[in-house]
Amino acid sequence: MAQSVAVIDYGSGNLRSVEKSLKRVAPGAEIDVTSDPSVLKKASHIVLPGVGAFADCMRGLSDIPGMREALEEAV
């Protein structure tokens, strides 16, 4: 089964850099930078990039309808 990685885009951070790094360490994996909660349910791996300010991260996640619930369910 192919690996699929969902990188959560909650409106903060350099996600292009995260995506490029993941492609380098996991060649062949499907990397999806997304703010779509349904993508988390299909992913074999989830990356929640940190920006050093978790309160801002939580606000960003809460602003995306269904994202916190999808993340909590996946974890």
PDB file of N, CA and C in Angstrom:
ATOM      1  N   MET A   1       0.838  -1.180   0.000  1.00  0.00           N
ATOM      2  CA  MET A   1       0.000   0.000   0.000  1.00  0.00           C
ATOM      3  C   MET A   1       0.887   1.249   0.000  1.00  0.00           C
ATOM      4  N   ALA A   2       0.610   2.179  -0.883  1.00  0.00           N
ATOM      5  CA  ALA A   2       1.387   3.411  -0.977  1.00  0.00           C
ATOM      6  C   ALA A   2       1.098   4.321   0.210  1.00  0.00           C
ATOM      7  N   GLN A   3       2.129   5.012   0.636  1.00  0.00           N
ATOM      8  CA  GLN A   3       1.948   5.970   1.720  1.00  0.00           C
ATOM      9  C   GLN A   3       1.326   7.244   1.176  1.00  0.00           C
ATOM     10  N   SER A   4       0.435   7.807   1.961  1.00  0.00           N
ATOM     11  CA  SER A   4      -0.129   9.113   1.620  1.00  0.00           C
ATOM     12  C   SER A   4       0.018   9.999   2.847  1.00  0.00           C
ATOM     13  N   VAL A   5       0.542  11.184   2.628  1.00  0.00           N
ATOM     14  CA  VAL A   5       0.825  12.103   3.720  1.00  0.00           C
ATOM     15  C   VAL A   5      -0.006  13.363   3.534  1.00  0.00           C
ATOM     16  N   ALA A   6      -0.803  13.693   4.539  1.00  0.00           N
ATOM     17  CA  ALA A   6      -1.571  14.931   4.529  1.00  0.00           C
ATOM     18  C   ALA A   6      -0.828  15.948   5.391  1.00  0.00           C
ATOM     19  N   VAL A   7      -0.440  17.050   4.782  1.00  0.00           N
ATOM     20  CA  VAL A   7       0.180  18.158   5.504  1.00  0.00           C
ATOM     21  C   VAL A   7      -0.927  19.186   5.706  1.00  0.00           C
ATOM     22  N   ILE A   8      -1.257  19.450   6.955  1.00  0.00           N
ATOM     23  CA  ILE A   8      -2.393  20.323   7.247  1.00  0.00           C
ATOM     24  C   ILE A   8      -2.017  21.785   7.017  1.00  0.00           C
ATOM     25  N   ASP A   9      -2.783  22.423   6.140  1.00  0.00           N
ATOM     26  CA  ASP A   9      -2.608  23.838   5.845  1.00  0.00           C
ATOM     27  C   ASP A   9      -3.656  24.621   6.627  1.00  0.00           C
ATOM     28  N   TYR A  10      -3.224  25.256   7.705  1.00  0.00           N
ATOM     29  CA  TYR A  10      -4.141  26.058   8.516  1.00  0.00           C
ATOM     30  C   TYR A  10      -3.813  27.537   8.414  1.00  0.00           C
ATOM     31  N   GLY A  11      -3.103  27.899   7.341  1.00  0.00           N
ATOM     32  CA  GLY A  11      -2.855  29.292   7.050  1.00  0.00           C
ATOM     33  C   GLY A  11      -1.607  29.888   7.659  1.00  0.00           C
ATOM     34  N   SER A  12      -0.671  29.065   8.072  1.00  0.00           N
ATOM     35  CA  SER A  12       0.550  29.592   8.677  1.00  0.00           C
ATOM     36  C   SER A  12       1.713  28.678   8.352  1.00  0.00           C
ATOM     37  N   GLY A  13       2.886  29.239   8.217  1.00  0.00           N
ATOM     38  CA  GLY A  13       4.085  28.429   8.005  1.00  0.00           C
ATOM     39  C   GLY A  13       4.444  28.274   6.544  1.00  0.00           C
ATOM     40  N   ASN A  14       5.657  27.783   6.307  1.00  0.00           N
ATOM     41  CA  ASN A  14       6.188  27.566   4.968  1.00  0.00           C
ATOM     42  C   ASN A  14       5.913  26.125   4.560  1.00  0.00           C
ATOM     43  N   LEU A  15       4.738  25.885   4.044  1.00  0.00           N
ATOM     44  CA  LEU A  15       4.340  24.516   3.723  1.00  0.00           C
ATOM     45  C   LEU A  15       5.025  23.980   2.481  1.00  0.00           C
ATOM     46  N   ARG A  16       5.452  24.833   1.596  1.00  0.00           N
ATOM     47  CA  ARG A  16       6.196  24.371   0.415  1.00  0.00           C
ATOM     48  C   ARG A  16       7.494  23.710   0.855  1.00  0.00           C
ATOM     49  N   SER A  17       8.139  24.275   1.850  1.00  0.00           N
ATOM     50  CA  SER A  17       9.372  23.702   2.388  1.00  0.00           C
ATOM     51  C   SER A  17       9.097  22.335   3.022  1.00  0.00           C
ATOM     52  N   VAL A  18       8.013  22.226   3.751  1.00  0.00           N
ATOM     53  CA  VAL A  18       7.630  20.943   4.374  1.00  0.00           C
ATOM     54  C   VAL A  18       7.363  19.909   3.287  1.00  0.00           C
ATOM     55  N   GLU A  19       6.610  20.306   2.276  1.00  0.00           N
ATOM     56  CA  GLU A  19       6.284  19.391   1.175  1.00  0.00           C
ATOM     57  C   GLU A  19       7.547  18.895   0.467  1.00  0.00           C
ATOM     58  N   LYS A  20       8.467  19.803   0.158  1.00  0.00           N
ATOM     59  CA  LYS A  20       9.707  19.417  -0.512  1.00  0.00           C
ATOM     60  C   LYS A  20      10.538  18.475   0.354  1.00  0.00           C
ATOM     61  N   SER A  21      10.590  18.733   1.646  1.00  0.00           N
ATOM     62  CA  SER A  21      11.342  17.855   2.559  1.00  0.00           C
ATOM     63  C   SER A  21      10.742  16.464   2.602  1.00  0.00           C
ATOM     64  N   LEU A  22       9.430  16.384   2.665  1.00  0.00           N
ATOM     65  CA  LEU A  22       8.772  15.073   2.704  1.00  0.00           C
ATOM     66  C   LEU A  22       8.999  14.296   1.414  1.00  0.00           C
ATOM     67  N   LYS A  23       8.962  14.988   0.290  1.00  0.00           N
ATOM     68  CA  LYS A  23       9.214  14.315  -0.990  1.00  0.00           C
ATOM     69  C   LYS A  23      10.630  13.753  -1.043  1.00  0.00           C
ATOM     70  N   ARG A  24      11.556  14.442  -0.402  1.00  0.00           N
ATOM     71  CA  ARG A  24      12.944  13.985  -0.388  1.00  0.00           C
ATOM     72  C   ARG A  24      13.098  12.733   0.483  1.00  0.00           C
ATOM     73  N   VAL A  25      12.465  12.713   1.658  1.00  0.00           N
ATOM     74  CA  VAL A  25      12.651  11.581   2.576  1.00  0.00           C
ATOM     75  C   VAL A  25      11.684  10.430   2.315  1.00  0.00           C
ATOM     76  N   ALA A  26      10.624  10.698   1.558  1.00  0.00           N
ATOM     77  CA  ALA A  26       9.646   9.647   1.265  1.00  0.00           C
ATOM     78  C   ALA A  26       9.310   9.653  -0.228  1.00  0.00           C
ATOM     79  N   PRO A  27      10.309   9.342  -1.064  1.00  0.00           N
ATOM     80  CA  PRO A  27      10.026   9.335  -2.500  1.00  0.00           C
ATOM     81  C   PRO A  27       8.955   8.291  -2.810  1.00  0.00           C
ATOM     82  N   GLY A  28       8.047   8.658  -3.664  1.00  0.00           N
ATOM     83  CA  GLY A  28       6.970   7.748  -4.016  1.00  0.00           C
ATOM     84  C   GLY A  28       5.721   7.929  -3.173  1.00  0.00           C
ATOM     85  N   ALA A  29       5.837   8.606  -2.052  1.00  0.00           N
ATOM     86  CA  ALA A  29       4.658   8.858  -1.222  1.00  0.00           C
ATOM     87  C   ALA A  29       3.846   9.985  -1.848  1.00  0.00           C
ATOM     88  N   GLU A  30       2.550   9.896  -1.697  1.00  0.00           N
ATOM     89  CA  GLU A  30       1.671  10.967  -2.150  1.00  0.00           C
ATOM     90  C   GLU A  30       1.621  12.031  -1.050  1.00  0.00           C
ATOM     91  N   ILE A  31       2.069  13.229  -1.366  1.00  0.00           N
ATOM     92  CA  ILE A  31       2.096  14.326  -0.408  1.00  0.00           C
ATOM     93  C   ILE A  31       0.992  15.295  -0.787  1.00  0.00           C
ATOM     94  N   ASP A  32       0.083  15.563   0.142  1.00  0.00           N
ATOM     95  CA  ASP A  32      -1.047  16.441  -0.127  1.00  0.00           C
ATOM     96  C   ASP A  32      -1.096  17.542   0.924  1.00  0.00           C
ATOM     97  N   VAL A  33      -0.776  18.773   0.524  1.00  0.00           N
ATOM     98  CA  VAL A  33      -0.913  19.928   1.405  1.00  0.00           C
ATOM     99  C   VAL A  33      -2.377  20.347   1.309  1.00  0.00           C
ATOM    100  N   THR A  34      -3.087  20.310   2.427  1.00  0.00           N
ATOM    101  CA  THR A  34      -4.532  20.452   2.362  1.00  0.00           C
ATOM    102  C   THR A  34      -5.154  21.146   3.561  1.00  0.00           C
ATOM    103  N   SER A  35      -6.284  21.759   3.317  1.00  0.00           N
ATOM    104  CA  SER A  35      -7.129  22.264   4.396  1.00  0.00           C
ATOM    105  C   SER A  35      -8.480  21.554   4.343  1.00  0.00           C
ATOM    106  N   ASP A  36      -8.521  20.419   3.668  1.00  0.00           N
ATOM    107  CA  ASP A  36      -9.741  19.622   3.523  1.00  0.00           C
ATOM    108  C   ASP A  36      -9.739  18.490   4.551  1.00  0.00           C
ATOM    109  N   PRO A  37     -10.626  18.557   5.564  1.00  0.00           N
ATOM    110  CA  PRO A  37     -10.649  17.532   6.602  1.00  0.00           C
ATOM    111  C   PRO A  37     -10.847  16.107   6.067  1.00  0.00           C
ATOM    112  N   SER A  38     -11.553  15.952   4.956  1.00  0.00           N
ATOM    113  CA  SER A  38     -11.799  14.606   4.435  1.00  0.00           C
ATOM    114  C   SER A  38     -10.509  13.945   3.942  1.00  0.00           C
ATOM    115  N   VAL A  39      -9.514  14.738   3.575  1.00  0.00           N
ATOM    116  CA  VAL A  39      -8.242  14.185   3.111  1.00  0.00           C
ATOM    117  C   VAL A  39      -7.524  13.484   4.266  1.00  0.00           C
ATOM    118  N   LEU A  40      -7.689  13.993   5.494  1.00  0.00           N
ATOM    119  CA  LEU A  40      -7.052  13.375   6.660  1.00  0.00           C
ATOM    120  C   LEU A  40      -7.520  11.942   6.848  1.00  0.00           C
ATOM    121  N   LYS A  41      -8.788  11.694   6.587  1.00  0.00           N
ATOM    122  CA  LYS A  41      -9.350  10.357   6.785  1.00  0.00           C
ATOM    123  C   LYS A  41      -8.733   9.328   5.851  1.00  0.00           C
ATOM    124  N   LYS A  42      -8.254   9.778   4.690  1.00  0.00           N
ATOM    125  CA  LYS A  42      -7.681   8.871   3.695  1.00  0.00           C
ATOM    126  C   LYS A  42      -6.173   8.713   3.838  1.00  0.00           C
ATOM    127  N   ALA A  43      -5.536   9.621   4.570  1.00  0.00           N
ATOM    128  CA  ALA A  43      -4.072   9.641   4.657  1.00  0.00           C
ATOM    129  C   ALA A  43      -3.546   8.558   5.585  1.00  0.00           C
ATOM    130  N   SER A  44      -2.406   7.987   5.205  1.00  0.00           N
ATOM    131  CA  SER A  44      -1.755   7.027   6.095  1.00  0.00           C
ATOM    132  C   SER A  44      -0.909   7.744   7.145  1.00  0.00           C
ATOM    133  N   HIS A  45      -0.531   8.987   6.859  1.00  0.00           N
ATOM    134  CA  HIS A  45       0.262   9.804   7.780  1.00  0.00           C
ATOM    135  C   HIS A  45      -0.260  11.238   7.747  1.00  0.00           C
ATOM    136  N   ILE A  46      -0.158  11.920   8.889  1.00  0.00           N
ATOM    137  CA  ILE A  46      -0.599  13.312   8.991  1.00  0.00           C
ATOM    138  C   ILE A  46       0.534  14.136   9.579  1.00  0.00           C
ATOM    139  N   VAL A  47       0.806  15.284   8.954  1.00  0.00           N
ATOM    140  CA  VAL A  47       1.806  16.215   9.465  1.00  0.00           C
ATOM    141  C   VAL A  47       1.090  17.509   9.826  1.00  0.00           C
ATOM    142  N   LEU A  48       1.276  17.929  11.066  1.00  0.00           N
ATOM    143  CA  LEU A  48       0.750  19.207  11.540  1.00  0.00           C
ATOM    144  C   LEU A  48       1.957  20.098  11.801  1.00  0.00           C
ATOM    145  N   PRO A  49       2.325  20.916  10.807  1.00  0.00           N
ATOM    146  CA  PRO A  49       3.531  21.737  10.949  1.00  0.00           C
ATOM    147  C   PRO A  49       3.390  22.722  12.104  1.00  0.00           C
ATOM    148  N   GLY A  50       4.459  22.873  12.856  1.00  0.00           N
ATOM    149  CA  GLY A  50       4.464  23.828  13.958  1.00  0.00           C
ATOM    150  C   GLY A  50       5.073  25.135  13.526  1.00  0.00           C
ATOM    151  N   VAL A  51       4.631  26.190  14.143  1.00  0.00           N
ATOM    152  CA  VAL A  51       5.159  27.508  13.832  1.00  0.00           C
ATOM    153  C   VAL A  51       5.689  28.201  15.087  1.00  0.00           C
ATOM    154  N   GLY A  52       5.762  27.484  16.177  1.00  0.00           N
ATOM    155  CA  GLY A  52       6.287  28.055  17.408  1.00  0.00           C
ATOM    156  C   GLY A  52       5.263  28.757  18.255  1.00  0.00           C
ATOM    157  N   ALA A  53       4.049  28.838  17.795  1.00  0.00           N
ATOM    158  CA  ALA A  53       2.987  29.507  18.551  1.00  0.00           C
ATOM    159  C   ALA A  53       1.734  28.653  18.462  1.00  0.00           C
ATOM    160  N   PHE A  54       1.569  27.739  19.423  1.00  0.00           N
ATOM    161  CA  PHE A  54       0.486  26.767  19.315  1.00  0.00           C
ATOM    162  C   PHE A  54      -0.892  27.409  19.387  1.00  0.00           C
ATOM    163  N   ALA A  55      -1.035  28.507  20.102  1.00  0.00           N
ATOM    164  CA  ALA A  55      -2.340  29.188  20.160  1.00  0.00           C
ATOM    165  C   ALA A  55      -2.768  29.628  18.757  1.00  0.00           C
ATOM    166  N   ASP A  56      -1.821  30.163  17.981  1.00  0.00           N
ATOM    167  CA  ASP A  56      -2.124  30.556  16.603  1.00  0.00           C
ATOM    168  C   ASP A  56      -2.488  29.341  15.763  1.00  0.00           C
ATOM    169  N   CYS A  57      -1.790  28.244  15.986  1.00  0.00           N
ATOM    170  CA  CYS A  57      -2.077  26.999  15.279  1.00  0.00           C
ATOM    171  C   CYS A  57      -3.509  26.549  15.563  1.00  0.00           C
ATOM    172  N   MET A  58      -3.894  26.532  16.814  1.00  0.00           N
ATOM    173  CA  MET A  58      -5.242  26.095  17.183  1.00  0.00           C
ATOM    174  C   MET A  58      -6.312  27.020  16.600  1.00  0.00           C
ATOM    175  N   ARG A  59      -6.042  28.317  16.575  1.00  0.00           N
ATOM    176  CA  ARG A  59      -6.994  29.249  15.956  1.00  0.00           C
ATOM    177  C   ARG A  59      -7.139  28.946  14.465  1.00  0.00           C
ATOM    178  N   GLY A  60      -6.012  28.697  13.805  1.00  0.00           N
ATOM    179  CA  GLY A  60      -6.056  28.371  12.386  1.00  0.00           C
ATOM    180  C   GLY A  60      -6.810  27.087  12.112  1.00  0.00           C
ATOM    181  N   LEU A  61      -6.586  26.067  12.932  1.00  0.00           N
ATOM    182  CA  LEU A  61      -7.305  24.796  12.772  1.00  0.00           C
ATOM    183  C   LEU A  61      -8.792  24.975  13.020  1.00  0.00           C
ATOM    184  N   SER A  62      -9.124  25.763  14.025  1.00  0.00           N
ATOM    185  CA  SER A  62     -10.533  25.979  14.374  1.00  0.00           C
ATOM    186  C   SER A  62     -11.272  26.770  13.302  1.00  0.00           C
ATOM    187  N   ASP A  63     -10.546  27.567  12.522  1.00  0.00           N
ATOM    188  CA  ASP A  63     -11.169  28.352  11.462  1.00  0.00           C
ATOM    189  C   ASP A  63     -11.556  27.517  10.244  1.00  0.00           C
ATOM    190  N   ILE A  64     -11.039  26.300  10.143  1.00  0.00           N
ATOM    191  CA  ILE A  64     -11.357  25.416   9.011  1.00  0.00           C
ATOM    192  C   ILE A  64     -12.469  24.470   9.461  1.00  0.00           C
ATOM    193  N   PRO A  65     -13.661  24.604   8.881  1.00  0.00           N
ATOM    194  CA  PRO A  65     -14.783  23.761   9.304  1.00  0.00           C
ATOM    195  C   PRO A  65     -14.448  22.268   9.240  1.00  0.00           C
ATOM    196  N   GLY A  66     -14.597  21.588  10.377  1.00  0.00           N
ATOM    197  CA  GLY A  66     -14.401  20.145  10.454  1.00  0.00           C
ATOM    198  C   GLY A  66     -12.973  19.688  10.655  1.00  0.00           C
ATOM    199  N   MET A  67     -11.980  20.599  10.589  1.00  0.00           N
ATOM    200  CA  MET A  67     -10.579  20.176  10.663  1.00  0.00           C
ATOM    201  C   MET A  67     -10.214  19.639  12.042  1.00  0.00           C
ATOM    202  N   ARG A  68     -10.583  20.327  13.107  1.00  0.00           N
ATOM    203  CA  ARG A  68     -10.223  19.831  14.458  1.00  0.00           C
ATOM    204  C   ARG A  68     -10.845  18.467  14.706  1.00  0.00           C
ATOM    205  N   GLU A  69     -12.097  18.303  14.328  1.00  0.00           N
ATOM    206  CA  GLU A  69     -12.773  17.023  14.533  1.00  0.00           C
ATOM    207  C   GLU A  69     -12.089  15.912  13.734  1.00  0.00           C
ATOM    208  N   ALA A  70     -11.740  16.202  12.485  1.00  0.00           N
ATOM    209  CA  ALA A  70     -11.076  15.200  11.649  1.00  0.00           C
ATOM    210  C   ALA A  70      -9.713  14.836  12.224  1.00  0.00           C
ATOM    211  N   LEU A  71      -8.981  15.823  12.711  1.00  0.00           N
ATOM    212  CA  LEU A  71      -7.676  15.575  13.292  1.00  0.00           C
ATOM    213  C   LEU A  71      -7.796  14.756  14.578  1.00  0.00           C
ATOM    214  N   GLU A  72      -8.755  15.112  15.432  1.00  0.00           N
ATOM    215  CA  GLU A  72      -8.964  14.366  16.680  1.00  0.00           C
ATOM    216  C   GLU A  72      -9.353  12.921  16.392  1.00  0.00           C
ATOM    217  N   GLU A  73     -10.191  12.719  15.389  1.00  0.00           N
ATOM    218  CA  GLU A  73     -10.613  11.360  15.027  1.00  0.00           C
ATOM    219  C   GLU A  73      -9.427  10.552  14.500  1.00  0.00           C
ATOM    220  N   ALA A  74      -8.583  11.184  13.688  1.00  0.00           N
ATOM    221  CA  ALA A  74      -7.427  10.485  13.117  1.00  0.00           C
ATOM    222  C   ALA A  74      -6.420  10.110  14.186  1.00  0.00           C
ATOM    223  N   VAL A  75      -6.259  10.959  15.172  1.00  0.00           N
ATOM    224  CA  VAL A  75      -5.286  10.711  16.228  1.00  0.00           C
ATOM    225  C   VAL A  75      -5.872   9.720  17.202  1.00  0.00           C
TER     226      VAL A  75
END
